[in-house]
Amino acid sequence: MRERTTEVDGLPIRYLEAGEGPVVLLLHGASLGSSADVFARNLGPLAAGGLRAIAPDRPGYGRSGGPDDPTLAGHRRFALGFLDALGLPSAVLVGHSQQANTAAALALDQPDRVPRAVVLGGGGLLPPVPGDDAAPGGGERLTQEPTIEQTRAHLEEDLYDHSLITPEALALRHAMSLGAPFAYYTRRAAGGPGGGGAAAGEPLWQRVGTHPERFLLLYGRQDKPTTAARCARARELFPDLRLVLFDRCGHLVQWDQAEAFVRLTLAFVRDAVPAS
């Protein structure tokens, strides 16, 4: 795995990369402490399977510059700008959490650049069910930099298997929650929710359901209280969707179900690449 830096819209962008072959671009979510490193355990196995796997720190996160444009349009611009910066004509996108919407929107609207997308725990891409309004939100907003104990607590909320929170993983997540990333987090909190949602019109989840060939959706049963019910509803409405609901899995699907995530992603990407 290599750590490199490029520039997108005048901002320095740090990214991790491994392997050669068809490109898969992995976009982390918006939680405090999120960075390219949430995919560090996946890059090597994806590369071993014949892919060029690339995970950037999005603007404002990790060691990248910022801030970014927090709208869905801004997220889309960054993803395409990052591909341009690396001279990549196209890539399969993997979008975790908030960035599932970015990956899905690009796969729907710009299939020449993003022919397919893998969704990890993206709640906005599942149909609503009764009880969604009662589901707990994202927890209390921090007003000062988190302690190491608070960082651990946030990781425990996102994971089913707490043994994955090794001292090294905890220290890295905590480091990515301090300084400039925390300043960006407080600016986002003051400005209200970021722009991970879809534009007005047909819901993004409905558009995804009517183009099932472009998507692989992976969720954890122990993520949100209504995740299992929403997955069941998606299957009822769109029986051709490639949708997997893992048991013993929380919001960080790529951690709790790392082996299955890699295996399914490899098969999904290979299926999209024409035989030479």
Protein backbone atom coordinates (compact mmCIF):
# COMPACT_ATOMS: atom_id res chain seq x y z
CA MET A 1 0.00 0.00 0.00
CA ARG A 2 1.35 3.38 -1.04
CA GLU A 3 0.53 6.80 0.43
CA ARG A 4 0.54 9.65 -2.08
CA THR A 5 -0.68 13.21 -2.58
CA THR A 6 -2.35 14.94 -5.51
CA GLU A 7 -4.26 18.21 -5.99
CA VAL A 8 -7.95 18.71 -6.71
CA ASP A 9 -9.40 22.20 -7.16
CA GLY A 10 -6.31 23.68 -5.54
CA LEU A 11 -6.51 21.45 -2.44
CA PRO A 12 -3.82 18.93 -1.49
CA ILE A 13 -5.44 15.48 -1.33
CA ARG A 14 -3.81 12.55 0.41
CA TYR A 15 -4.69 9.08 -0.81
CA LEU A 16 -3.81 5.43 -0.32
CA GLU A 17 -3.32 3.10 -3.28
CA ALA A 18 -2.57 -0.55 -3.93
CA GLY A 19 -2.53 -2.85 -6.94
CA GLU A 20 -2.90 -2.65 -10.71
CA GLY A 21 -5.85 -3.31 -12.98
CA PRO A 22 -9.43 -2.03 -13.19
CA VAL A 23 -9.83 0.95 -10.87
CA VAL A 24 -12.06 1.01 -7.81
CA LEU A 25 -12.31 4.34 -5.98
CA LEU A 26 -13.29 4.08 -2.31
CA LEU A 27 -14.95 7.10 -0.69
CA HIS A 28 -15.23 7.30 3.11
CA GLY A 29 -18.19 8.78 4.95
CA ALA A 30 -18.67 11.96 6.96
CA SER A 31 -18.19 10.84 10.56
CA LEU A 32 -15.57 12.62 12.64
CA GLY A 33 -12.29 10.74 12.20
CA SER A 34 -13.24 9.24 8.83
CA SER A 35 -10.42 9.10 6.30
CA ALA A 36 -8.98 6.87 3.61
CA ASP A 37 -7.77 4.65 6.43
CA VAL A 38 -11.26 3.17 6.95
CA PHE A 39 -10.40 1.12 3.84
CA ALA A 40 -6.78 0.32 4.77
CA ARG A 41 -7.60 -3.28 5.66
CA ASN A 42 -9.37 -3.74 2.30
CA LEU A 43 -6.87 -2.26 -0.16
CA GLY A 44 -4.38 -5.14 -0.05
CA PRO A 45 -6.99 -7.87 -0.60
CA LEU A 46 -8.62 -5.89 -3.42
CA ALA A 47 -5.19 -5.44 -5.03
CA ALA A 48 -4.45 -9.14 -4.61
CA GLY A 49 -7.66 -9.80 -6.52
CA GLY A 50 -6.43 -7.83 -9.52
CA LEU A 51 -7.78 -4.34 -8.90
CA ARG A 52 -6.17 -0.93 -8.55
CA ALA A 53 -7.76 0.20 -5.30
CA ILE A 54 -7.55 3.91 -4.38
CA ALA A 55 -8.92 5.60 -1.27
CA PRO A 56 -8.57 9.39 -0.78
CA ASP A 57 -9.00 11.55 2.28
CA ARG A 58 -11.88 13.72 1.10
CA PRO A 59 -11.42 17.52 1.48
CA GLY A 60 -11.55 18.53 5.14
CA TYR A 61 -10.83 15.00 6.37
CA GLY A 62 -7.68 13.16 7.34
CA ARG A 63 -4.58 14.87 5.99
CA SER A 64 -6.22 16.51 2.98
CA GLY A 65 -6.81 20.23 2.65
CA GLY A 66 -10.23 21.74 2.99
CA PRO A 67 -12.91 22.66 3.43
CA ASP A 68 -14.96 21.06 0.69
CA ASP A 69 -18.27 21.98 -0.90
CA PRO A 70 -20.67 20.01 1.37
CA THR A 71 -23.43 19.61 -1.24
CA LEU A 72 -24.10 16.49 -3.29
CA ALA A 73 -22.97 18.44 -6.36
CA GLY A 74 -19.74 19.30 -4.55
CA HIS A 75 -19.13 15.67 -3.59
CA ARG A 76 -19.69 14.62 -7.17
CA ARG A 77 -17.28 17.29 -8.42
CA PHE A 78 -14.59 16.09 -6.04
CA ALA A 79 -14.91 12.44 -7.10
CA LEU A 80 -14.65 13.33 -10.80
CA GLY A 81 -11.91 15.88 -10.13
CA PHE A 82 -9.91 13.26 -8.26
CA LEU A 83 -10.22 10.84 -11.18
CA ASP A 84 -9.08 13.63 -13.50
CA ALA A 85 -6.11 14.46 -11.25
CA LEU A 86 -4.92 10.86 -11.51
CA GLY A 87 -5.63 10.69 -15.25
CA LEU A 88 -8.30 8.01 -14.81
CA PRO A 89 -11.10 7.94 -17.40
CA SER A 90 -13.40 5.83 -15.23
CA ALA A 91 -13.71 3.82 -12.03
CA VAL A 92 -16.16 1.72 -10.09
CA LEU A 93 -17.01 3.75 -6.98
CA VAL A 94 -17.42 2.39 -3.47
CA GLY A 95 -19.36 4.84 -1.32
CA HIS A 96 -19.59 4.38 2.45
CA SER A 97 -22.41 6.00 4.45
CA GLN A 98 -22.96 9.59 3.21
CA GLN A 99 -20.86 8.94 0.11
CA ALA A 100 -23.13 6.14 -1.03
CA ASN A 101 -25.32 8.89 -2.49
CA THR A 102 -22.36 10.35 -4.36
CA ALA A 103 -21.42 6.99 -5.84
CA ALA A 104 -25.00 6.18 -6.80
CA ALA A 105 -25.72 9.56 -8.38
CA LEU A 106 -22.59 9.35 -10.53
CA ALA A 107 -23.32 5.77 -11.61
CA LEU A 108 -26.79 6.89 -12.68
CA ASP A 109 -25.90 10.20 -14.33
CA GLN A 110 -22.37 9.64 -15.64
CA PRO A 111 -22.02 5.92 -16.41
CA ASP A 112 -19.16 6.67 -18.80
CA ARG A 113 -17.07 7.76 -15.80
CA VAL A 114 -18.69 5.55 -13.14
CA PRO A 115 -20.13 2.42 -14.75
CA ARG A 116 -21.03 0.78 -11.42
CA ALA A 117 -21.17 1.54 -7.71
CA VAL A 118 -20.88 -0.40 -4.46
CA VAL A 119 -22.97 0.98 -1.60
CA LEU A 120 -21.86 0.41 2.00
CA GLY A 121 -24.41 1.28 4.67
CA GLY A 122 -25.95 4.14 2.68
CA GLY A 123 -29.30 4.73 4.36
CA GLY A 124 -30.45 7.20 1.72
CA LEU A 125 -30.51 4.43 -0.89
CA LEU A 126 -33.13 2.32 0.91
CA PRO A 127 -36.87 2.99 0.79
CA PRO A 128 -38.45 4.39 3.95
CA VAL A 129 -40.48 2.25 6.34
CA PRO A 130 -42.66 3.06 9.36
CA GLY A 131 -40.45 3.89 12.33
CA ASP A 132 -37.75 5.71 10.41
CA ASP A 133 -38.65 9.00 12.10
CA ALA A 134 -38.20 7.38 15.50
CA ALA A 135 -34.75 6.03 14.71
CA PRO A 136 -31.98 7.69 16.73
CA GLY A 137 -29.88 10.33 14.99
CA GLY A 138 -26.13 10.67 14.81
CA GLY A 139 -25.61 11.29 18.50
CA GLU A 140 -24.62 14.38 20.40
CA ARG A 141 -22.44 16.88 18.56
CA LEU A 142 -19.05 17.47 20.12
CA THR A 143 -18.12 21.01 21.09
CA GLN A 144 -14.46 20.24 21.77
CA GLU A 145 -11.94 17.75 20.43
CA PRO A 146 -12.87 14.21 21.45
CA THR A 147 -11.06 12.29 24.11
CA ILE A 148 -9.66 8.88 23.23
CA GLU A 149 -12.59 7.38 25.17
CA GLN A 150 -15.10 9.30 23.04
CA THR A 151 -13.38 8.14 19.87
CA ARG A 152 -13.63 4.55 21.08
CA ALA A 153 -17.31 5.00 21.91
CA HIS A 154 -18.05 6.30 18.41
CA LEU A 155 -16.25 3.36 16.83
CA GLU A 156 -18.17 0.96 19.05
CA GLU A 157 -21.43 2.49 17.78
CA ASP A 158 -20.38 1.77 14.19
CA LEU A 159 -19.05 -1.75 14.71
CA TYR A 160 -20.54 -5.08 15.70
CA ASP A 161 -17.15 -6.69 16.38
CA HIS A 162 -15.48 -4.48 18.98
CA SER A 163 -12.34 -6.64 18.90
CA LEU A 164 -11.50 -4.85 15.63
CA ILE A 165 -10.81 -1.70 17.66
CA THR A 166 -7.14 -2.47 18.21
CA PRO A 167 -4.89 0.06 19.95
CA GLU A 168 -3.43 0.95 16.55
CA ALA A 169 -6.83 1.41 14.90
CA LEU A 170 -8.07 3.50 17.80
CA ALA A 171 -4.96 5.70 17.84
CA LEU A 172 -5.23 6.35 14.09
CA ARG A 173 -8.94 7.16 14.23
CA HIS A 174 -8.32 9.49 17.16
CA ALA A 175 -5.47 11.27 15.35
CA MET A 176 -7.77 11.80 12.36
CA SER A 177 -10.37 13.41 14.68
CA LEU A 178 -8.12 16.20 15.96
CA GLY A 179 -6.83 19.51 14.64
CA ALA A 180 -7.99 20.52 11.17
CA PRO A 181 -10.51 17.66 10.78
CA PHE A 182 -12.20 18.67 14.05
CA ALA A 183 -12.29 22.31 12.95
CA TYR A 184 -13.99 21.20 9.73
CA TYR A 185 -16.42 19.05 11.75
CA THR A 186 -17.43 22.03 13.88
CA ARG A 187 -17.99 24.19 10.78
CA ARG A 188 -20.21 21.51 9.27
CA ALA A 189 -22.14 21.17 12.54
CA ALA A 190 -22.72 24.91 12.72
CA GLY A 191 -23.97 24.94 9.15
CA GLY A 192 -26.40 22.07 9.58
CA PRO A 193 -26.32 18.66 7.90
CA GLY A 194 -24.01 18.23 4.92
CA GLY A 195 -25.32 17.73 1.44
CA GLY A 196 -25.40 13.95 1.25
CA GLY A 197 -29.03 13.91 0.18
CA ALA A 198 -30.51 13.68 -3.24
CA ALA A 199 -31.90 16.56 -5.23
CA ALA A 200 -35.64 17.17 -5.45
CA GLY A 201 -37.57 14.86 -7.73
CA GLU A 202 -37.56 11.08 -7.97
CA PRO A 203 -35.92 9.64 -4.83
CA LEU A 204 -32.41 8.36 -5.38
CA TRP A 205 -33.32 4.98 -3.86
CA GLN A 206 -36.03 4.57 -6.47
CA ARG A 207 -33.65 5.40 -9.32
CA VAL A 208 -31.18 2.86 -7.97
CA GLY A 209 -33.89 0.21 -7.79
CA THR A 210 -34.83 0.70 -11.42
CA HIS A 211 -31.20 0.26 -12.56
CA PRO A 212 -30.16 -2.80 -10.53
CA GLU A 213 -27.42 -3.86 -12.94
CA ARG A 214 -25.29 -0.89 -11.86
CA PHE A 215 -25.31 -1.49 -8.11
CA LEU A 216 -24.15 -3.75 -5.31
CA LEU A 217 -25.66 -2.78 -1.95
CA LEU A 218 -24.14 -4.07 1.30
CA TYR A 219 -25.67 -3.43 4.73
CA GLY A 220 -25.30 -4.57 8.32
CA ARG A 221 -28.30 -5.91 10.21
CA GLN A 222 -26.97 -4.30 13.40
CA ASP A 223 -26.56 -0.86 11.80
CA LYS A 224 -29.70 1.27 12.33
CA PRO A 225 -32.91 0.00 13.99
CA THR A 226 -34.82 0.02 10.69
CA THR A 227 -32.04 -1.19 8.36
CA ALA A 228 -33.31 -4.78 8.12
CA ALA A 229 -36.89 -3.66 7.45
CA ARG A 230 -35.76 -1.19 4.81
CA CYS A 231 -33.64 -3.85 3.08
CA ALA A 232 -36.65 -6.17 3.07
CA ARG A 233 -38.79 -3.43 1.54
CA ALA A 234 -36.14 -2.75 -1.13
CA ARG A 235 -36.16 -6.43 -2.08
CA GLU A 236 -39.94 -6.43 -2.34
CA LEU A 237 -39.96 -3.38 -4.60
CA PHE A 238 -36.88 -4.29 -6.65
CA PRO A 239 -36.32 -8.06 -6.65
CA ASP A 240 -33.40 -7.79 -9.10
CA LEU A 241 -31.29 -5.65 -6.76
CA ARG A 242 -27.96 -7.14 -5.66
CA LEU A 243 -28.54 -6.41 -2.00
CA VAL A 244 -26.84 -8.24 0.87
CA LEU A 245 -27.80 -7.81 4.52
CA PHE A 246 -25.06 -9.20 6.75
CA ASP A 247 -25.75 -10.48 10.22
CA ARG A 248 -23.23 -9.59 12.94
CA CYS A 249 -22.43 -6.37 11.10
CA GLY A 250 -22.78 -2.69 11.95
CA HIS A 251 -22.27 0.51 9.97
CA LEU A 252 -18.62 -0.15 9.07
CA VAL A 253 -19.43 -3.02 6.72
CA GLN A 254 -15.89 -2.99 5.32
CA TRP A 255 -14.56 -3.80 8.81
CA ASP A 256 -17.17 -6.17 10.22
CA GLN A 257 -17.47 -8.10 6.94
CA ALA A 258 -14.13 -7.30 5.34
CA GLU A 259 -13.64 -10.68 3.62
CA ALA A 260 -17.15 -10.77 2.18
CA PHE A 261 -16.92 -7.12 1.08
CA VAL A 262 -13.74 -7.83 -0.88
CA ARG A 263 -15.06 -11.06 -2.38
CA LEU A 264 -18.33 -9.52 -3.54
CA THR A 265 -16.67 -6.35 -4.82
CA LEU A 266 -14.13 -8.31 -6.85
CA ALA A 267 -16.88 -10.35 -8.50
CA PHE A 268 -18.97 -7.21 -9.14
CA VAL A 269 -16.11 -5.31 -10.76
CA ARG A 270 -14.95 -8.29 -12.82
CA ASP A 271 -18.49 -8.73 -14.12
CA ALA A 272 -18.40 -5.14 -15.38
CA VAL A 273 -15.07 -5.47 -17.22
CA PRO A 274 -15.33 -6.90 -20.75
CA ALA A 275 -13.20 -9.97 -21.38
CA SER A 276 -10.01 -9.15 -23.31
